[in-house]
PDB file of N, CA and C in Angstrom:
ATOM      1  N   MET A   1       2.680 -17.341   8.414  1.00  0.00           N
ATOM      2  CA  MET A   1       4.066 -17.169   8.297  1.00  0.00           C
ATOM      3  C   MET A   1       4.956 -16.244   8.768  1.00  0.00           C
ATOM      4  N   THR A   2       5.851 -16.878   8.973  1.00  0.00           N
ATOM      5  CA  THR A   2       6.880 -16.006   9.702  1.00  0.00           C
ATOM      6  C   THR A   2       7.986 -15.266   8.773  1.00  0.00           C
ATOM      7  N   CYS A   3       8.675 -14.116   9.401  1.00  0.00           N
ATOM      8  CA  CYS A   3       9.019 -13.388   8.632  1.00  0.00           C
ATOM      9  C   CYS A   3       9.830 -12.275   9.243  1.00  0.00           C
ATOM     10  N   ALA A   4      11.679 -12.722   8.920  1.00  0.00           N
ATOM     11  CA  ALA A   4      12.767 -11.902   9.954  1.00  0.00           C
ATOM     12  C   ALA A   4      12.469 -10.767   9.785  1.00  0.00           C
ATOM     13  N   ASN A   5      12.039  -9.602   9.408  1.00  0.00           N
ATOM     14  CA  ASN A   5      11.882  -8.382   8.810  1.00  0.00           C
ATOM     15  C   ASN A   5      10.636  -8.106   9.117  1.00  0.00           C
ATOM     16  N   GLN A   6       9.831  -8.740   9.974  1.00  0.00           N
ATOM     17  CA  GLN A   6       8.244  -8.273  10.114  1.00  0.00           C
ATOM     18  C   GLN A   6       8.634  -7.254  11.163  1.00  0.00           C
ATOM     19  N   GLY A   7       9.562  -7.239  12.225  1.00  0.00           N
ATOM     20  CA  GLY A   7       9.438  -5.583  13.557  1.00  0.00           C
ATOM     21  C   GLY A   7       9.945  -4.975  12.384  1.00  0.00           C
ATOM     22  N   ARG A   8      10.978  -4.897  11.440  1.00  0.00           N
ATOM     23  CA  ARG A   8      11.352  -3.725  10.630  1.00  0.00           C
ATOM     24  C   ARG A   8      10.550  -3.362  10.079  1.00  0.00           C
ATOM     25  N   ASN A   9      10.511  -4.225   9.302  1.00  0.00           N
ATOM     26  CA  ASN A   9       8.671  -3.682   8.474  1.00  0.00           C
ATOM     27  C   ASN A   9       8.036  -3.004   8.366  1.00  0.00           C
ATOM     28  N   SER A  10       7.313  -2.948   9.855  1.00  0.00           N
ATOM     29  CA  SER A  10       5.830  -3.050  10.743  1.00  0.00           C
ATOM     30  C   SER A  10       6.495  -1.409  11.137  1.00  0.00           C
ATOM     31  N   LYS A  11       7.615  -1.164  11.370  1.00  0.00           N
ATOM     32  CA  LYS A  11       8.028   0.177  11.978  1.00  0.00           C
ATOM     33  C   LYS A  11       8.101   1.063  10.989  1.00  0.00           C
ATOM     34  N   ASN A  12       8.189   0.196   9.215  1.00  0.00           N
ATOM     35  CA  ASN A  12       8.621   1.128   8.549  1.00  0.00           C
ATOM     36  C   ASN A  12       7.258   1.742   7.817  1.00  0.00           C
ATOM     37  N   CYS A  13       6.174   0.560   7.941  1.00  0.00           N
ATOM     38  CA  CYS A  13       4.782   0.792   7.262  1.00  0.00           C
ATOM     39  C   CYS A  13       4.176   2.042   7.286  1.00  0.00           C
ATOM     40  N   THR A  14       3.629   2.621   5.648  1.00  0.00           N
ATOM     41  CA  THR A  14       3.278   3.649   6.250  1.00  0.00           C
ATOM     42  C   THR A  14       1.472   3.514   5.692  1.00  0.00           C
ATOM     43  N   CYS A  15       1.192   2.037   5.788  1.00  0.00           N
ATOM     44  CA  CYS A  15      -0.479   1.398   5.533  1.00  0.00           C
ATOM     45  C   CYS A  15      -0.990   2.465   7.089  1.00  0.00           C
ATOM     46  N   SER A  16      -2.169   3.286   6.845  1.00  0.00           N
ATOM     47  CA  SER A  16      -2.572   3.838   8.143  1.00  0.00           C
ATOM     48  C   SER A  16      -3.999   2.131   8.764  1.00  0.00           C
ATOM     49  N   TYR A  17      -3.941   1.417   7.769  1.00  0.00           N
ATOM     50  CA  TYR A  17      -5.070   0.400   8.597  1.00  0.00           C
ATOM     51  C   TYR A  17      -3.887  -0.162   9.116  1.00  0.00           C
ATOM     52  N   THR A  18      -3.943   0.142  10.693  1.00  0.00           N
ATOM     53  CA  THR A  18      -2.710  -0.462  11.450  1.00  0.00           C
ATOM     54  C   THR A  18      -3.003  -1.568  11.916  1.00  0.00           C
ATOM     55  N   SER A  19      -4.525  -2.157  12.060  1.00  0.00           N
ATOM     56  CA  SER A  19      -4.896  -3.689  12.750  1.00  0.00           C
ATOM     57  C   SER A  19      -4.846  -4.470  11.263  1.00  0.00           C
ATOM     58  N   CYS A  20      -4.274  -4.426  10.437  1.00  0.00           N
ATOM     59  CA  CYS A  20      -4.123  -5.248   9.347  1.00  0.00           C
ATOM     60  C   CYS A  20      -3.511  -6.832   9.486  1.00  0.00           C
ATOM     61  N   SER A  21      -3.686  -7.643   9.509  1.00  0.00           N
ATOM     62  CA  SER A  21      -3.117  -8.509   9.817  1.00  0.00           C
ATOM     63  C   SER A  21      -1.808  -8.991   9.252  1.00  0.00           C
ATOM     64  N   LYS A  22      -1.553  -8.403   8.199  1.00  0.00           N
ATOM     65  CA  LYS A  22      -0.102  -8.617   7.232  1.00  0.00           C
ATOM     66  C   LYS A  22       0.581  -7.155   7.497  1.00  0.00           C
ATOM     67  N   ARG A  23       0.611  -6.871   8.224  1.00  0.00           N
ATOM     68  CA  ARG A  23       1.521  -5.364   8.289  1.00  0.00           C
ATOM     69  C   ARG A  23       2.451  -5.961   8.704  1.00  0.00           C
ATOM     70  N   GLY A  24       3.512  -5.793   7.915  1.00  0.00           N
ATOM     71  CA  GLY A  24       5.255  -6.346   8.119  1.00  0.00           C
ATOM     72  C   GLY A  24       5.446  -7.425   7.525  1.00  0.00           C
ATOM     73  N   LEU A  25       4.420  -8.289   6.751  1.00  0.00           N
ATOM     74  CA  LEU A  25       4.608  -8.767   5.681  1.00  0.00           C
ATOM     75  C   LEU A  25       4.262  -8.510   4.721  1.00  0.00           C
ATOM     76  N   CYS A  26       5.592  -7.810   4.155  1.00  0.00           N
ATOM     77  CA  CYS A  26       5.118  -7.235   2.382  1.00  0.00           C
ATOM     78  C   CYS A  26       4.903  -7.833   1.686  1.00  0.00           C
ATOM     79  N   CYS A  27       5.166  -9.285   1.574  1.00  0.00           N
ATOM     80  CA  CYS A  27       4.921 -10.373   0.302  1.00  0.00           C
ATOM     81  C   CYS A  27       3.840 -10.829   0.350  1.00  0.00           C
ATOM     82  N   GLU A  28       3.232 -10.780   1.771  1.00  0.00           N
ATOM     83  CA  GLU A  28       1.897 -10.985   1.945  1.00  0.00           C
ATOM     84  C   GLU A  28       0.996 -10.296   1.513  1.00  0.00           C
ATOM     85  N   CYS A  29       0.822  -8.789   1.482  1.00  0.00           N
ATOM     86  CA  CYS A  29       0.603  -7.666   1.437  1.00  0.00           C
ATOM     87  C   CYS A  29       0.341  -7.762  -0.410  1.00  0.00           C
ATOM     88  N   VAL A  30       1.907  -7.659  -0.905  1.00  0.00           N
ATOM     89  CA  VAL A  30       2.130  -7.291  -1.788  1.00  0.00           C
ATOM     90  C   VAL A  30       0.405  -8.505  -2.834  1.00  0.00           C
ATOM     91  N   GLN A  31       1.298  -9.688  -2.394  1.00  0.00           N
ATOM     92  CA  GLN A  31       0.127 -10.629  -2.991  1.00  0.00           C
ATOM     93  C   GLN A  31      -1.206 -10.639  -2.559  1.00  0.00           C
ATOM     94  N   TYR A  32      -1.359 -10.064  -1.613  1.00  0.00           N
ATOM     95  CA  TYR A  32      -3.354  -9.837  -1.348  1.00  0.00           C
ATOM     96  C   TYR A  32      -3.689  -8.596  -2.179  1.00  0.00           C
ATOM     97  N   HIS A  33      -2.929  -7.745  -2.082  1.00  0.00           N
ATOM     98  CA  HIS A  33      -3.487  -6.674  -3.132  1.00  0.00           C
ATOM     99  C   HIS A  33      -3.330  -7.172  -4.566  1.00  0.00           C
ATOM    100  N   LEU A  34      -2.403  -7.689  -5.015  1.00  0.00           N
ATOM    101  CA  LEU A  34      -2.166  -7.572  -6.186  1.00  0.00           C
ATOM    102  C   LEU A  34      -3.419  -9.062  -7.093  1.00  0.00           C
ATOM    103  N   LEU A  35      -3.839  -9.501  -6.170  1.00  0.00           N
ATOM    104  CA  LEU A  35      -5.098 -10.498  -5.998  1.00  0.00           C
ATOM    105  C   LEU A  35      -6.264  -9.878  -6.353  1.00  0.00           C
ATOM    106  N   LYS A  36      -6.715  -8.754  -5.661  1.00  0.00           N
ATOM    107  CA  LYS A  36      -7.525  -8.057  -5.853  1.00  0.00           C
ATOM    108  C   LYS A  36      -7.366  -6.797  -7.031  1.00  0.00           C
ATOM    109  N   ASN A  37      -6.437  -6.498  -7.647  1.00  0.00           N
ATOM    110  CA  ASN A  37      -6.304  -6.107  -8.527  1.00  0.00           C
ATOM    111  C   ASN A  37      -5.948  -4.391  -8.119  1.00  0.00           C
ATOM    112  N   GLU A  38      -5.240  -4.564  -6.720  1.00  0.00           N
ATOM    113  CA  GLU A  38      -4.947  -3.244  -6.090  1.00  0.00           C
ATOM    114  C   GLU A  38      -3.411  -3.240  -5.593  1.00  0.00           C
ATOM    115  N   ILE A  39      -2.955  -1.975  -5.166  1.00  0.00           N
ATOM    116  CA  ILE A  39      -1.836  -1.665  -4.689  1.00  0.00           C
ATOM    117  C   ILE A  39      -1.829  -1.190  -3.710  1.00  0.00           C
ATOM    118  N   PRO A  40      -0.524  -2.272  -2.919  1.00  0.00           N
ATOM    119  CA  PRO A  40      -0.432  -1.629  -0.922  1.00  0.00           C
ATOM    120  C   PRO A  40      -0.539  -0.644  -1.046  1.00  0.00           C
ATOM    121  N   GLY A  41      -1.090   0.231   0.157  1.00  0.00           N
ATOM    122  CA  GLY A  41      -1.098   1.425   0.911  1.00  0.00           C
ATOM    123  C   GLY A  41       0.093   2.200   0.742  1.00  0.00           C
ATOM    124  N   CYS A  42       1.525   1.657   1.259  1.00  0.00           N
ATOM    125  CA  CYS A  42       3.096   2.087   1.022  1.00  0.00           C
ATOM    126  C   CYS A  42       3.279   2.871  -0.176  1.00  0.00           C
ATOM    127  N   PHE A  43       2.978   2.494  -1.138  1.00  0.00           N
ATOM    128  CA  PHE A  43       2.627   2.911  -2.645  1.00  0.00           C
ATOM    129  C   PHE A  43       2.626   4.637  -2.679  1.00  0.00           C
ATOM    130  N   PHE A  44       1.253   4.832  -2.465  1.00  0.00           N
ATOM    131  CA  PHE A  44       0.777   5.961  -2.143  1.00  0.00           C
ATOM    132  C   PHE A  44       1.215   6.954  -1.342  1.00  0.00           C
ATOM    133  N   LEU A  45       1.102   8.171  -1.473  1.00  0.00           N
ATOM    134  CA  LEU A  45       1.710   9.517  -0.683  1.00  0.00           C
ATOM    135  C   LEU A  45       0.308   9.423   0.643  1.00  0.00           C
ATOM    136  N   PRO A  46       0.850  10.296   1.646  1.00  0.00           N
ATOM    137  CA  PRO A  46      -0.054  10.037   2.494  1.00  0.00           C
ATOM    138  C   PRO A  46      -1.582  10.437   2.678  1.00  0.00           C
ATOM    139  N   ASP A  47      -1.923  11.454   1.953  1.00  0.00           N
ATOM    140  CA  ASP A  47      -2.925  12.059   1.656  1.00  0.00           C
ATOM    141  C   ASP A  47      -3.900  10.951   0.998  1.00  0.00           C
ATOM    142  N   ALA A  48      -3.022   9.856  -0.127  1.00  0.00           N
ATOM    143  CA  ALA A  48      -4.302   9.520  -1.071  1.00  0.00           C
ATOM    144  C   ALA A  48      -4.173   7.978  -0.505  1.00  0.00           C
ATOM    145  N   GLU A  49      -3.150   7.467   0.666  1.00  0.00           N
ATOM    146  CA  GLU A  49      -3.441   6.119   0.938  1.00  0.00           C
ATOM    147  C   GLU A  49      -4.071   6.260   1.835  1.00  0.00           C
ATOM    148  N   LYS A  50      -4.924   7.657   2.765  1.00  0.00           N
ATOM    149  CA  LYS A  50      -5.779   7.513   3.395  1.00  0.00           C
ATOM    150  C   LYS A  50      -7.084   7.086   2.963  1.00  0.00           C
ATOM    151  N   THR A  51      -7.308   7.750   1.602  1.00  0.00           N
ATOM    152  CA  THR A  51      -8.587   7.614   1.325  1.00  0.00           C
ATOM    153  C   THR A  51      -8.949   5.688   1.038  1.00  0.00           C
ATOM    154  N   TYR A  52      -8.017   4.599   1.236  1.00  0.00           N
ATOM    155  CA  TYR A  52      -8.221   3.467   1.453  1.00  0.00           C
ATOM    156  C   TYR A  52      -8.966   3.083  -0.314  1.00  0.00           C
ATOM    157  N   ASP A  53      -8.736   3.765  -1.200  1.00  0.00           N
ATOM    158  CA  ASP A  53      -8.930   3.438  -2.390  1.00  0.00           C
ATOM    159  C   ASP A  53      -7.134   3.366  -2.873  1.00  0.00           C
ATOM    160  N   ARG A  54      -7.424   1.632  -2.968  1.00  0.00           N
ATOM    161  CA  ARG A  54      -5.718   0.954  -3.356  1.00  0.00           C
ATOM    162  C   ARG A  54      -6.345   0.865  -4.670  1.00  0.00           C
ATOM    163  N   SER A  55      -6.875   0.845  -5.842  1.00  0.00           N
ATOM    164  CA  SER A  55      -7.055   0.877  -6.921  1.00  0.00           C
ATOM    165  C   SER A  55      -6.025   0.874  -7.983  1.00  0.00           C
ATOM    166  N   ILE A  56      -5.673   0.128  -8.669  1.00  0.00           N
ATOM    167  CA  ILE A  56      -4.535   0.691  -9.975  1.00  0.00           C
ATOM    168  C   ILE A  56      -5.486   1.690 -10.082  1.00  0.00           C
ATOM    169  N   GLU A  57      -6.576   2.228 -10.986  1.00  0.00           N
ATOM    170  CA  GLU A  57      -6.843   3.151 -11.492  1.00  0.00           C
ATOM    171  C   GLU A  57      -6.332   4.771 -10.721  1.00  0.00           C
ATOM    172  N   HIS A  58      -6.618   4.519  -9.473  1.00  0.00           N
ATOM    173  CA  HIS A  58      -6.553   5.574  -8.770  1.00  0.00           C
ATOM    174  C   HIS A  58      -4.789   5.936  -8.425  1.00  0.00           C
ATOM    175  N   PHE A  59      -3.817   4.574  -8.334  1.00  0.00           N
ATOM    176  CA  PHE A  59      -2.728   4.730  -8.300  1.00  0.00           C
ATOM    177  C   PHE A  59      -2.238   6.007 -10.092  1.00  0.00           C
ATOM    178  N   ILE A  60      -2.823   5.310 -10.716  1.00  0.00           N
ATOM    179  CA  ILE A  60      -2.554   5.694 -12.184  1.00  0.00           C
ATOM    180  C   ILE A  60      -2.753   7.300 -12.266  1.00  0.00           C
ATOM    181  N   ARG A  61      -4.263   7.289 -11.320  1.00  0.00           N
ATOM    182  CA  ARG A  61      -4.747   8.778 -11.472  1.00  0.00           C
ATOM    183  C   ARG A  61      -3.622   9.771 -11.118  1.00  0.00           C
ATOM    184  N   ILE A  62      -3.495   9.613  -9.371  1.00  0.00           N
ATOM    185  CA  ILE A  62      -2.507  10.422  -8.458  1.00  0.00           C
ATOM    186  C   ILE A  62      -0.769  10.333  -9.283  1.00  0.00           C
ATOM    187  N   LYS A  63      -0.761   9.435 -10.287  1.00  0.00           N
ATOM    188  CA  LYS A  63       0.964   9.710 -10.944  1.00  0.00           C
ATOM    189  C   LYS A  63       0.723   9.879 -11.890  1.00  0.00           C
ATOM    190  N   LYS A  64      -0.297  10.062 -12.762  1.00  0.00           N
ATOM    191  CA  LYS A  64      -0.119  11.050 -14.193  1.00  0.00           C
ATOM    192  C   LYS A  64       0.455  12.571 -14.145  1.00  0.00           C
ATOM    193  N   PRO A  65       1.317  13.334 -14.892  1.00  0.00           N
ATOM    194  CA  PRO A  65       1.488  14.425 -14.647  1.00  0.00           C
ATOM    195  C   PRO A  65       0.292  14.877 -15.009  1.00  0.00           C
ATOM    196  N   ASN A  66       0.178  16.536 -15.053  1.00  0.00           N
ATOM    197  CA  ASN A  66      -0.924  16.690 -14.928  1.00  0.00           C
ATOM    198  C   ASN A  66      -0.592  17.950 -16.484  1.00  0.00           C
ATOM    199  N   THR A  67      -1.400  17.718 -17.766  1.00  0.00           N
ATOM    200  CA  THR A  67      -0.616  17.714 -18.984  1.00  0.00           C
ATOM    201  C   THR A  67      -1.378  19.187 -19.337  1.00  0.00           C
ATOM    202  N   ASN A  68      -2.112  19.827 -18.434  1.00  0.00           N
ATOM    203  CA  ASN A  68      -2.759  21.034 -18.732  1.00  0.00           C
ATOM    204  C   ASN A  68      -2.279  22.776 -18.330  1.00  0.00           C
ATOM    205  N   GLU A  69      -0.933  22.018 -18.109  1.00  0.00           N
ATOM    206  CA  GLU A  69      -0.487  23.081 -17.360  1.00  0.00           C
ATOM    207  C   GLU A  69       0.298  23.608 -19.065  1.00  0.00           C
TER     208      GLU A  69
END
């Protein structure tokens, strides 16, 4: 698939998996991860993204406000 924005998307992509064939093809990336019940790496903060845990559960866990304060 070709994408007119692939170059710009690739420059702004925060995913640390730089050899991914979907890099810069955001629509393909989102579809791929959703089919696996995951969220793309660009939705995570850098430290969380580097764990390669793209699970929805991981995303919720790190985004959930700490109620113990």
